Amino acid sequence: MSGFSKREDAFENKFAFDAEKRFKVEARRNKLLAQWVGQRTKMTPQQIEQYAAELIQHDLKKPGDADVLEKVIADLKIRGVTVSQADARAEMSRCIQIASEQTANEG
């Protein structure tokens, strides 16, 4: 294997590793967001778990975070809880930070 091929393989492996890590962080963020929504809407633990899975699936449909943010705000509104976009975005930022720290500590 030439030096170029080794570097190319290393780059591809790094890209795959980073993509997997990003997915894990975003999935963890969505679980934390589901807990936040669940606390405000008095969901049961089972409902929170189901909502977390729903958020993770929703997040896979479109790139970016805007769709998840819109869904959270809409779902809260349906359940009678009004939250500003700024507050929801701040919670999303807090959750991504916690998720990043948690997944980094996992190895």
PDB file of N, CA and C in Angstrom:
ATOM      1  N   MET A   1       0.850  -1.166   0.000  1.00  0.00           N
ATOM      2  CA  MET A   1       0.000   0.000   0.000  1.00  0.00           C
ATOM      3  C   MET A   1       0.898   1.231   0.000  1.00  0.00           C
ATOM      4  N   SER A   2       0.631   2.150  -0.885  1.00  0.00           N
ATOM      5  CA  SER A   2       1.456   3.356  -0.969  1.00  0.00           C
ATOM      6  C   SER A   2       1.121   4.310   0.172  1.00  0.00           C
ATOM      7  N   GLY A   3       1.984   5.275   0.375  1.00  0.00           N
ATOM      8  CA  GLY A   3       1.768   6.282   1.408  1.00  0.00           C
ATOM      9  C   GLY A   3       0.492   7.062   1.168  1.00  0.00           C
ATOM     10  N   PHE A   4       0.207   7.332  -0.101  1.00  0.00           N
ATOM     11  CA  PHE A   4      -1.015   8.071  -0.442  1.00  0.00           C
ATOM     12  C   PHE A   4      -2.253   7.258  -0.073  1.00  0.00           C
ATOM     13  N   SER A   5      -2.245   5.973  -0.360  1.00  0.00           N
ATOM     14  CA  SER A   5      -3.381   5.106  -0.039  1.00  0.00           C
ATOM     15  C   SER A   5      -3.603   5.024   1.465  1.00  0.00           C
ATOM     16  N   LYS A   6      -2.500   4.968   2.219  1.00  0.00           N
ATOM     17  CA  LYS A   6      -2.618   4.925   3.678  1.00  0.00           C
ATOM     18  C   LYS A   6      -3.246   6.210   4.211  1.00  0.00           C
ATOM     19  N   ARG A   7      -2.813   7.352   3.674  1.00  0.00           N
ATOM     20  CA  ARG A   7      -3.382   8.635   4.104  1.00  0.00           C
ATOM     21  C   ARG A   7      -4.853   8.723   3.725  1.00  0.00           C
ATOM     22  N   GLU A   8      -5.189   8.242   2.534  1.00  0.00           N
ATOM     23  CA  GLU A   8      -6.580   8.263   2.083  1.00  0.00           C
ATOM     24  C   GLU A   8      -7.445   7.391   3.003  1.00  0.00           C
ATOM     25  N   ASP A   9      -6.977   6.211   3.337  1.00  0.00           N
ATOM     26  CA  ASP A   9      -7.709   5.332   4.251  1.00  0.00           C
ATOM     27  C   ASP A   9      -7.863   5.973   5.625  1.00  0.00           C
ATOM     28  N   ALA A  10      -6.811   6.610   6.104  1.00  0.00           N
ATOM     29  CA  ALA A  10      -6.867   7.276   7.406  1.00  0.00           C
ATOM     30  C   ALA A  10      -7.900   8.402   7.383  1.00  0.00           C
ATOM     31  N   PHE A  11      -7.932   9.164   6.293  1.00  0.00           N
ATOM     32  CA  PHE A  11      -8.898  10.250   6.162  1.00  0.00           C
ATOM     33  C   PHE A  11     -10.324   9.695   6.152  1.00  0.00           C
ATOM     34  N   GLU A  12     -10.557   8.636   5.409  1.00  0.00           N
ATOM     35  CA  GLU A  12     -11.888   8.028   5.345  1.00  0.00           C
ATOM     36  C   GLU A  12     -12.311   7.487   6.705  1.00  0.00           C
ATOM     37  N   ASN A  13     -11.387   6.861   7.421  1.00  0.00           N
ATOM     38  CA  ASN A  13     -11.691   6.350   8.754  1.00  0.00           C
ATOM     39  C   ASN A  13     -12.036   7.486   9.718  1.00  0.00           C
ATOM     40  N   LYS A  14     -11.288   8.576   9.633  1.00  0.00           N
ATOM     41  CA  LYS A  14     -11.543   9.741  10.489  1.00  0.00           C
ATOM     42  C   LYS A  14     -12.907  10.338  10.169  1.00  0.00           C
ATOM     43  N   PHE A  15     -13.239  10.433   8.895  1.00  0.00           N
ATOM     44  CA  PHE A  15     -14.532  10.975   8.487  1.00  0.00           C
ATOM     45  C   PHE A  15     -15.664  10.110   9.045  1.00  0.00           C
ATOM     46  N   ALA A  16     -15.540   8.794   8.927  1.00  0.00           N
ATOM     47  CA  ALA A  16     -16.559   7.871   9.435  1.00  0.00           C
ATOM     48  C   ALA A  16     -16.684   7.976  10.957  1.00  0.00           C
ATOM     49  N   PHE A  17     -15.551   8.071  11.647  1.00  0.00           N
ATOM     50  CA  PHE A  17     -15.550   8.202  13.095  1.00  0.00           C
ATOM     51  C   PHE A  17     -16.253   9.488  13.520  1.00  0.00           C
ATOM     52  N   ASP A  18     -15.926  10.597  12.850  1.00  0.00           N
ATOM     53  CA  ASP A  18     -16.545  11.886  13.175  1.00  0.00           C
ATOM     54  C   ASP A  18     -18.047  11.870  12.915  1.00  0.00           C
ATOM     55  N   ALA A  19     -18.480  11.241  11.826  1.00  0.00           N
ATOM     56  CA  ALA A  19     -19.899  11.165  11.496  1.00  0.00           C
ATOM     57  C   ALA A  19     -20.651  10.346  12.554  1.00  0.00           C
ATOM     58  N   GLU A  20     -20.063   9.246  12.991  1.00  0.00           N
ATOM     59  CA  GLU A  20     -20.690   8.411  14.016  1.00  0.00           C
ATOM     60  C   GLU A  20     -20.786   9.155  15.343  1.00  0.00           C
ATOM     61  N   LYS A  21     -19.726   9.874  15.684  1.00  0.00           N
ATOM     62  CA  LYS A  21     -19.715  10.643  16.925  1.00  0.00           C
ATOM     63  C   LYS A  21     -20.778  11.745  16.880  1.00  0.00           C
ATOM     64  N   ARG A  22     -20.890  12.432  15.745  1.00  0.00           N
ATOM     65  CA  ARG A  22     -21.881  13.495  15.573  1.00  0.00           C
ATOM     66  C   ARG A  22     -23.295  12.924  15.735  1.00  0.00           C
ATOM     67  N   PHE A  23     -23.540  11.739  15.144  1.00  0.00           N
ATOM     68  CA  PHE A  23     -24.848  11.103  15.273  1.00  0.00           C
ATOM     69  C   PHE A  23     -25.154  10.794  16.738  1.00  0.00           C
ATOM     70  N   LYS A  24     -24.184  10.246  17.454  1.00  0.00           N
ATOM     71  CA  LYS A  24     -24.394   9.905  18.863  1.00  0.00           C
ATOM     72  C   LYS A  24     -24.697  11.150  19.693  1.00  0.00           C
ATOM     73  N   VAL A  25     -23.976  12.233  19.434  1.00  0.00           N
ATOM     74  CA  VAL A  25     -24.189  13.479  20.176  1.00  0.00           C
ATOM     75  C   VAL A  25     -25.581  14.024  19.881  1.00  0.00           C
ATOM     76  N   GLU A  26     -25.984  14.034  18.616  1.00  0.00           N
ATOM     77  CA  GLU A  26     -27.293  14.570  18.263  1.00  0.00           C
ATOM     78  C   GLU A  26     -28.419  13.693  18.812  1.00  0.00           C
ATOM     79  N   ALA A  27     -28.236  12.386  18.794  1.00  0.00           N
ATOM     80  CA  ALA A  27     -29.246  11.488  19.363  1.00  0.00           C
ATOM     81  C   ALA A  27     -29.366  11.729  20.870  1.00  0.00           C
ATOM     82  N   ARG A  28     -28.253  11.890  21.555  1.00  0.00           N
ATOM     83  CA  ARG A  28     -28.271  12.173  22.996  1.00  0.00           C
ATOM     84  C   ARG A  28     -28.932  13.528  23.251  1.00  0.00           C
ATOM     85  N   ARG A  29     -28.619  14.511  22.423  1.00  0.00           N
ATOM     86  CA  ARG A  29     -29.260  15.827  22.561  1.00  0.00           C
ATOM     87  C   ARG A  29     -30.775  15.693  22.438  1.00  0.00           C
ATOM     88  N   ASN A  30     -31.229  14.902  21.479  1.00  0.00           N
ATOM     89  CA  ASN A  30     -32.662  14.729  21.282  1.00  0.00           C
ATOM     90  C   ASN A  30     -33.316  14.035  22.469  1.00  0.00           C
ATOM     91  N   LYS A  31     -32.613  13.116  23.101  1.00  0.00           N
ATOM     92  CA  LYS A  31     -33.142  12.468  24.302  1.00  0.00           C
ATOM     93  C   LYS A  31     -33.276  13.481  25.434  1.00  0.00           C
ATOM     94  N   LEU A  32     -32.274  14.342  25.568  1.00  0.00           N
ATOM     95  CA  LEU A  32     -32.335  15.379  26.591  1.00  0.00           C
ATOM     96  C   LEU A  32     -33.452  16.381  26.308  1.00  0.00           C
ATOM     97  N   LEU A  33     -33.635  16.723  25.056  1.00  0.00           N
ATOM     98  CA  LEU A  33     -34.735  17.614  24.669  1.00  0.00           C
ATOM     99  C   LEU A  33     -36.075  16.972  24.986  1.00  0.00           C
ATOM    100  N   ALA A  34     -36.192  15.678  24.721  1.00  0.00           N
ATOM    101  CA  ALA A  34     -37.430  14.969  25.022  1.00  0.00           C
ATOM    102  C   ALA A  34     -37.731  15.025  26.516  1.00  0.00           C
ATOM    103  N   GLN A  35     -36.702  14.907  27.340  1.00  0.00           N
ATOM    104  CA  GLN A  35     -36.901  15.012  28.787  1.00  0.00           C
ATOM    105  C   GLN A  35     -37.387  16.405  29.171  1.00  0.00           C
ATOM    106  N   TRP A  36     -36.821  17.419  28.532  1.00  0.00           N
ATOM    107  CA  TRP A  36     -37.215  18.800  28.788  1.00  0.00           C
ATOM    108  C   TRP A  36     -38.686  19.010  28.415  1.00  0.00           C
ATOM    109  N   VAL A  37     -39.081  18.514  27.239  1.00  0.00           N
ATOM    110  CA  VAL A  37     -40.475  18.616  26.809  1.00  0.00           C
ATOM    111  C   VAL A  37     -41.359  17.812  27.763  1.00  0.00           C
ATOM    112  N   GLY A  38     -40.912  16.626  28.114  1.00  0.00           N
ATOM    113  CA  GLY A  38     -41.685  15.771  29.000  1.00  0.00           C
ATOM    114  C   GLY A  38     -41.943  16.382  30.361  1.00  0.00           C
ATOM    115  N   GLN A  39     -40.972  17.079  30.902  1.00  0.00           N
ATOM    116  CA  GLN A  39     -41.138  17.735  32.200  1.00  0.00           C
ATOM    117  C   GLN A  39     -42.187  18.839  32.118  1.00  0.00           C
ATOM    118  N   ARG A  40     -42.202  19.561  31.007  1.00  0.00           N
ATOM    119  CA  ARG A  40     -43.134  20.670  30.851  1.00  0.00           C
ATOM    120  C   ARG A  40     -44.552  20.216  30.532  1.00  0.00           C
ATOM    121  N   THR A  41     -44.682  19.022  30.011  1.00  0.00           N
ATOM    122  CA  THR A  41     -46.004  18.530  29.605  1.00  0.00           C
ATOM    123  C   THR A  41     -46.474  17.358  30.466  1.00  0.00           C
ATOM    124  N   LYS A  42     -45.719  17.062  31.516  1.00  0.00           N
ATOM    125  CA  LYS A  42     -46.064  16.006  32.465  1.00  0.00           C
ATOM    126  C   LYS A  42     -46.228  14.635  31.793  1.00  0.00           C
ATOM    127  N   MET A  43     -45.296  14.317  30.903  1.00  0.00           N
ATOM    128  CA  MET A  43     -45.279  13.004  30.260  1.00  0.00           C
ATOM    129  C   MET A  43     -44.791  11.956  31.256  1.00  0.00           C
ATOM    130  N   THR A  44     -45.228  10.748  31.047  1.00  0.00           N
ATOM    131  CA  THR A  44     -44.708   9.627  31.830  1.00  0.00           C
ATOM    132  C   THR A  44     -43.317   9.278  31.302  1.00  0.00           C
ATOM    133  N   PRO A  45     -42.532   8.538  32.074  1.00  0.00           N
ATOM    134  CA  PRO A  45     -41.221   8.116  31.559  1.00  0.00           C
ATOM    135  C   PRO A  45     -41.315   7.359  30.231  1.00  0.00           C
ATOM    136  N   GLN A  46     -42.334   6.535  30.084  1.00  0.00           N
ATOM    137  CA  GLN A  46     -42.511   5.796  28.839  1.00  0.00           C
ATOM    138  C   GLN A  46     -42.831   6.737  27.676  1.00  0.00           C
ATOM    139  N   GLN A  47     -43.646   7.747  27.930  1.00  0.00           N
ATOM    140  CA  GLN A  47     -43.975   8.727  26.895  1.00  0.00           C
ATOM    141  C   GLN A  47     -42.743   9.528  26.499  1.00  0.00           C
ATOM    142  N   ILE A  48     -41.916   9.862  27.477  1.00  0.00           N
ATOM    143  CA  ILE A  48     -40.680  10.593  27.194  1.00  0.00           C
ATOM    144  C   ILE A  48     -39.758   9.743  26.324  1.00  0.00           C
ATOM    145  N   GLU A  49     -39.639   8.475  26.663  1.00  0.00           N
ATOM    146  CA  GLU A  49     -38.800   7.565  25.886  1.00  0.00           C
ATOM    147  C   GLU A  49     -39.314   7.450  24.445  1.00  0.00           C
ATOM    148  N   GLN A  50     -40.616   7.342  24.299  1.00  0.00           N
ATOM    149  CA  GLN A  50     -41.228   7.257  22.967  1.00  0.00           C
ATOM    150  C   GLN A  50     -41.015   8.573  22.199  1.00  0.00           C
ATOM    151  N   TYR A  51     -41.172   9.698  22.877  1.00  0.00           N
ATOM    152  CA  TYR A  51     -40.969  10.996  22.240  1.00  0.00           C
ATOM    153  C   TYR A  51     -39.508  11.180  21.827  1.00  0.00           C
ATOM    154  N   ALA A  52     -38.585  10.710  22.642  1.00  0.00           N
ATOM    155  CA  ALA A  52     -37.160  10.792  22.296  1.00  0.00           C
ATOM    156  C   ALA A  52     -36.890  10.029  21.004  1.00  0.00           C
ATOM    157  N   ALA A  53     -37.443   8.833  20.885  1.00  0.00           N
ATOM    158  CA  ALA A  53     -37.268   8.047  19.660  1.00  0.00           C
ATOM    159  C   ALA A  53     -37.878   8.770  18.463  1.00  0.00           C
ATOM    160  N   GLU A  54     -39.016   9.417  18.688  1.00  0.00           N
ATOM    161  CA  GLU A  54     -39.669  10.186  17.635  1.00  0.00           C
ATOM    162  C   GLU A  54     -38.790  11.356  17.184  1.00  0.00           C
ATOM    163  N   LEU A  55     -38.179  12.054  18.134  1.00  0.00           N
ATOM    164  CA  LEU A  55     -37.286  13.168  17.794  1.00  0.00           C
ATOM    165  C   LEU A  55     -36.062  12.688  17.017  1.00  0.00           C
ATOM    166  N   ILE A  56     -35.506  11.564  17.426  1.00  0.00           N
ATOM    167  CA  ILE A  56     -34.330  11.020  16.734  1.00  0.00           C
ATOM    168  C   ILE A  56     -34.688  10.679  15.296  1.00  0.00           C
ATOM    169  N   GLN A  57     -35.825  10.030  15.088  1.00  0.00           N
ATOM    170  CA  GLN A  57     -36.268   9.689  13.733  1.00  0.00           C
ATOM    171  C   GLN A  57     -36.535  10.950  12.917  1.00  0.00           C
ATOM    172  N   HIS A  58     -37.162  11.939  13.537  1.00  0.00           N
ATOM    173  CA  HIS A  58     -37.464  13.199  12.844  1.00  0.00           C
ATOM    174  C   HIS A  58     -36.176  13.897  12.419  1.00  0.00           C
ATOM    175  N   ASP A  59     -35.170  13.837  13.278  1.00  0.00           N
ATOM    176  CA  ASP A  59     -33.894  14.498  13.005  1.00  0.00           C
ATOM    177  C   ASP A  59     -33.181  13.881  11.803  1.00  0.00           C
ATOM    178  N   LEU A  60     -33.433  12.613  11.536  1.00  0.00           N
ATOM    179  CA  LEU A  60     -32.777  11.933  10.413  1.00  0.00           C
ATOM    180  C   LEU A  60     -33.359  12.326   9.055  1.00  0.00           C
ATOM    181  N   LYS A  61     -34.535  12.916   9.047  1.00  0.00           N
ATOM    182  CA  LYS A  61     -35.216  13.233   7.787  1.00  0.00           C
ATOM    183  C   LYS A  61     -34.584  14.402   7.044  1.00  0.00           C
ATOM    184  N   LYS A  62     -34.122  15.406   7.775  1.00  0.00           N
ATOM    185  CA  LYS A  62     -33.549  16.611   7.164  1.00  0.00           C
ATOM    186  C   LYS A  62     -32.235  16.956   7.853  1.00  0.00           C
ATOM    187  N   PRO A  63     -31.285  17.466   7.101  1.00  0.00           N
ATOM    188  CA  PRO A  63     -30.053  17.924   7.749  1.00  0.00           C
ATOM    189  C   PRO A  63     -30.310  19.217   8.539  1.00  0.00           C
ATOM    190  N   GLY A  64     -29.530  19.406   9.554  1.00  0.00           N
ATOM    191  CA  GLY A  64     -29.657  20.626  10.347  1.00  0.00           C
ATOM    192  C   GLY A  64     -30.563  20.441  11.546  1.00  0.00           C
ATOM    193  N   ASP A  65     -30.627  21.466  12.366  1.00  0.00           N
ATOM    194  CA  ASP A  65     -31.371  21.406  13.615  1.00  0.00           C
ATOM    195  C   ASP A  65     -32.709  22.131  13.578  1.00  0.00           C
ATOM    196  N   ALA A  66     -32.955  22.922  12.551  1.00  0.00           N
ATOM    197  CA  ALA A  66     -34.158  23.751  12.494  1.00  0.00           C
ATOM    198  C   ALA A  66     -35.428  22.914  12.548  1.00  0.00           C
ATOM    199  N   ASP A  67     -35.428  21.772  11.881  1.00  0.00           N
ATOM    200  CA  ASP A  67     -36.630  20.939  11.872  1.00  0.00           C
ATOM    201  C   ASP A  67     -36.933  20.377  13.257  1.00  0.00           C
ATOM    202  N   VAL A  68     -35.920  20.016  14.007  1.00  0.00           N
ATOM    203  CA  VAL A  68     -36.118  19.505  15.366  1.00  0.00           C
ATOM    204  C   VAL A  68     -36.633  20.627  16.261  1.00  0.00           C
ATOM    205  N   LEU A  69     -36.055  21.801  16.128  1.00  0.00           N
ATOM    206  CA  LEU A  69     -36.484  22.957  16.915  1.00  0.00           C
ATOM    207  C   LEU A  69     -37.955  23.267  16.641  1.00  0.00           C
ATOM    208  N   GLU A  70     -38.339  23.292  15.378  1.00  0.00           N
ATOM    209  CA  GLU A  70     -39.731  23.568  15.008  1.00  0.00           C
ATOM    210  C   GLU A  70     -40.664  22.507  15.575  1.00  0.00           C
ATOM    211  N   LYS A  71     -40.263  21.244  15.505  1.00  0.00           N
ATOM    212  CA  LYS A  71     -41.083  20.151  16.027  1.00  0.00           C
ATOM    213  C   LYS A  71     -41.281  20.283  17.532  1.00  0.00           C
ATOM    214  N   VAL A  72     -40.223  20.565  18.250  1.00  0.00           N
ATOM    215  CA  VAL A  72     -40.319  20.702  19.707  1.00  0.00           C
ATOM    216  C   VAL A  72     -41.277  21.833  20.065  1.00  0.00           C
ATOM    217  N   ILE A  73     -41.125  22.975  19.418  1.00  0.00           N
ATOM    218  CA  ILE A  73     -41.999  24.116  19.702  1.00  0.00           C
ATOM    219  C   ILE A  73     -43.448  23.772  19.373  1.00  0.00           C
ATOM    220  N   ALA A  74     -43.674  23.151  18.219  1.00  0.00           N
ATOM    221  CA  ALA A  74     -45.036  22.778  17.811  1.00  0.00           C
ATOM    222  C   ALA A  74     -45.635  21.744  18.763  1.00  0.00           C
ATOM    223  N   ASP A  75     -44.841  20.765  19.159  1.00  0.00           N
ATOM    224  CA  ASP A  75     -45.340  19.730  20.062  1.00  0.00           C
ATOM    225  C   ASP A  75     -45.680  20.302  21.438  1.00  0.00           C
ATOM    226  N   LEU A  76     -44.879  21.230  21.909  1.00  0.00           N
ATOM    227  CA  LEU A  76     -45.189  21.891  23.176  1.00  0.00           C
ATOM    228  C   LEU A  76     -46.499  22.678  23.057  1.00  0.00           C
ATOM    229  N   LYS A  77     -46.641  23.390  21.955  1.00  0.00           N
ATOM    230  CA  LYS A  77     -47.847  24.198  21.743  1.00  0.00           C
ATOM    231  C   LYS A  77     -49.095  23.321  21.708  1.00  0.00           C
ATOM    232  N   ILE A  78     -49.002  22.178  21.018  1.00  0.00           N
ATOM    233  CA  ILE A  78     -50.136  21.241  20.956  1.00  0.00           C
ATOM    234  C   ILE A  78     -50.541  20.788  22.358  1.00  0.00           C
ATOM    235  N   ARG A  79     -49.546  20.654  23.233  1.00  0.00           N
ATOM    236  CA  ARG A  79     -49.804  20.194  24.606  1.00  0.00           C
ATOM    237  C   ARG A  79     -50.098  21.350  25.571  1.00  0.00           C
ATOM    238  N   GLY A  80     -50.298  22.548  25.008  1.00  0.00           N
ATOM    239  CA  GLY A  80     -50.701  23.689  25.826  1.00  0.00           C
ATOM    240  C   GLY A  80     -49.579  24.449  26.490  1.00  0.00           C
ATOM    241  N   VAL A  81     -48.353  24.243  26.044  1.00  0.00           N
ATOM    242  CA  VAL A  81     -47.201  24.938  26.628  1.00  0.00           C
ATOM    243  C   VAL A  81     -46.596  25.842  25.557  1.00  0.00           C
ATOM    244  N   THR A  82     -46.557  27.120  25.853  1.00  0.00           N
ATOM    245  CA  THR A  82     -45.976  28.079  24.913  1.00  0.00           C
ATOM    246  C   THR A  82     -44.538  28.357  25.315  1.00  0.00           C
ATOM    247  N   VAL A  83     -43.647  28.240  24.352  1.00  0.00           N
ATOM    248  CA  VAL A  83     -42.235  28.517  24.590  1.00  0.00           C
ATOM    249  C   VAL A  83     -41.725  29.311  23.389  1.00  0.00           C
ATOM    250  N   SER A  84     -40.906  30.303  23.655  1.00  0.00           N
ATOM    251  CA  SER A  84     -40.371  31.118  22.556  1.00  0.00           C
ATOM    252  C   SER A  84     -39.310  30.324  21.800  1.00  0.00           C
ATOM    253  N   GLN A  85     -39.091  30.743  20.573  1.00  0.00           N
ATOM    254  CA  GLN A  85     -38.052  30.099  19.773  1.00  0.00           C
ATOM    255  C   GLN A  85     -36.686  30.300  20.431  1.00  0.00           C
ATOM    256  N   ALA A  86     -36.474  31.465  21.013  1.00  0.00           N
ATOM    257  CA  ALA A  86     -35.195  31.741  21.678  1.00  0.00           C
ATOM    258  C   ALA A  86     -34.981  30.818  22.878  1.00  0.00           C
ATOM    259  N   ASP A  87     -36.038  30.600  23.660  1.00  0.00           N
ATOM    260  CA  ASP A  87     -35.910  29.707  24.813  1.00  0.00           C
ATOM    261  C   ASP A  87     -35.678  28.262  24.370  1.00  0.00           C
ATOM    262  N   ALA A  88     -36.390  27.833  23.344  1.00  0.00           N
ATOM    263  CA  ALA A  88     -36.208  26.468  22.841  1.00  0.00           C
ATOM    264  C   ALA A  88     -34.814  26.297  22.250  1.00  0.00           C
ATOM    265  N   ARG A  89     -34.342  27.306  21.542  1.00  0.00           N
ATOM    266  CA  ARG A  89     -32.994  27.245  20.972  1.00  0.00           C
ATOM    267  C   ARG A  89     -31.931  27.209  22.075  1.00  0.00           C
ATOM    268  N   ALA A  90     -32.159  27.980  23.139  1.00  0.00           N
ATOM    269  CA  ALA A  90     -31.212  27.986  24.264  1.00  0.00           C
ATOM    270  C   ALA A  90     -31.182  26.607  24.929  1.00  0.00           C
ATOM    271  N   GLU A  91     -32.345  25.974  25.073  1.00  0.00           N
ATOM    272  CA  GLU A  91     -32.378  24.636  25.664  1.00  0.00           C
ATOM    273  C   GLU A  91     -31.694  23.631  24.748  1.00  0.00           C
ATOM    274  N   MET A  92     -31.891  23.784  23.457  1.00  0.00           N
ATOM    275  CA  MET A  92     -31.241  22.892  22.494  1.00  0.00           C
ATOM    276  C   MET A  92     -29.721  23.046  22.586  1.00  0.00           C
ATOM    277  N   SER A  93     -29.252  24.257  22.733  1.00  0.00           N
ATOM    278  CA  SER A  93     -27.815  24.505  22.880  1.00  0.00           C
ATOM    279  C   SER A  93     -27.276  23.893  24.170  1.00  0.00           C
ATOM    280  N   ARG A  94     -28.043  24.035  25.238  1.00  0.00           N
ATOM    281  CA  ARG A  94     -27.642  23.456  26.519  1.00  0.00           C
ATOM    282  C   ARG A  94     -27.568  21.928  26.398  1.00  0.00           C
ATOM    283  N   CYS A  95     -28.560  21.347  25.724  1.00  0.00           N
ATOM    284  CA  CYS A  95     -28.603  19.887  25.567  1.00  0.00           C
ATOM    285  C   CYS A  95     -27.451  19.382  24.707  1.00  0.00           C
ATOM    286  N   ILE A  96     -27.102  20.108  23.646  1.00  0.00           N
ATOM    287  CA  ILE A  96     -26.006  19.644  22.778  1.00  0.00           C
ATOM    288  C   ILE A  96     -24.684  19.713  23.541  1.00  0.00           C
ATOM    289  N   GLN A  97     -24.540  20.715  24.392  1.00  0.00           N
ATOM    290  CA  GLN A  97     -23.311  20.827  25.192  1.00  0.00           C
ATOM    291  C   GLN A  97     -23.208  19.660  26.167  1.00  0.00           C
ATOM    292  N   ILE A  98     -24.288  19.361  26.854  1.00  0.00           N
ATOM    293  CA  ILE A  98     -24.292  18.233  27.792  1.00  0.00           C
ATOM    294  C   ILE A  98     -24.046  16.931  27.054  1.00  0.00           C
ATOM    295  N   ALA A  99     -24.713  16.757  25.912  1.00  0.00           N
ATOM    296  CA  ALA A  99     -24.557  15.530  25.122  1.00  0.00           C
ATOM    297  C   ALA A  99     -23.116  15.367  24.648  1.00  0.00           C
ATOM    298  N   SER A 100     -22.491  16.455  24.236  1.00  0.00           N
ATOM    299  CA  SER A 100     -21.094  16.403  23.796  1.00  0.00           C
ATOM    300  C   SER A 100     -20.179  15.967  24.930  1.00  0.00           C
ATOM    301  N   GLU A 101     -20.401  16.540  26.111  1.00  0.00           N
ATOM    302  CA  GLU A 101     -19.592  16.190  27.272  1.00  0.00           C
ATOM    303  C   GLU A 101     -19.795  14.719  27.657  1.00  0.00           C
ATOM    304  N   GLN A 102     -21.039  14.284  27.652  1.00  0.00           N
ATOM    305  CA  GLN A 102     -21.340  12.907  28.044  1.00  0.00           C
ATOM    306  C   GLN A 102     -20.726  11.895  27.072  1.00  0.00           C
ATOM    307  N   THR A 103     -20.863  12.149  25.787  1.00  0.00           N
ATOM    308  CA  THR A 103     -20.311  11.199  24.803  1.00  0.00           C
ATOM    309  C   THR A 103     -18.796  11.239  24.780  1.00  0.00           C
ATOM    310  N   ALA A 104     -18.200  12.401  25.060  1.00  0.00           N
ATOM    311  CA  ALA A 104     -16.735  12.480  25.118  1.00  0.00           C
ATOM    312  C   ALA A 104     -16.199  11.662  26.287  1.00  0.00           C
ATOM    313  N   ASN A 105     -16.946  11.663  27.392  1.00  0.00           N
ATOM    314  CA  ASN A 105     -16.524  10.897  28.573  1.00  0.00           C
ATOM    315  C   ASN A 105     -16.709   9.400  28.410  1.00  0.00           C
ATOM    316  N   GLU A 106     -17.525   9.011  27.423  1.00  0.00           N
ATOM    317  CA  GLU A 106     -17.747   7.593  27.185  1.00  0.00           C
ATOM    318  C   GLU A 106     -16.607   6.948  26.397  1.00  0.00           C
ATOM    319  N   GLY A 107     -15.817   7.787  25.756  1.00  0.00           N
ATOM    320  CA  GLY A 107     -14.674   7.243  25.027  1.00  0.00           C
ATOM    321  C   GLY A 107     -14.765   7.270  23.600  1.00  0.00           C
TER     322      GLY A 107
END
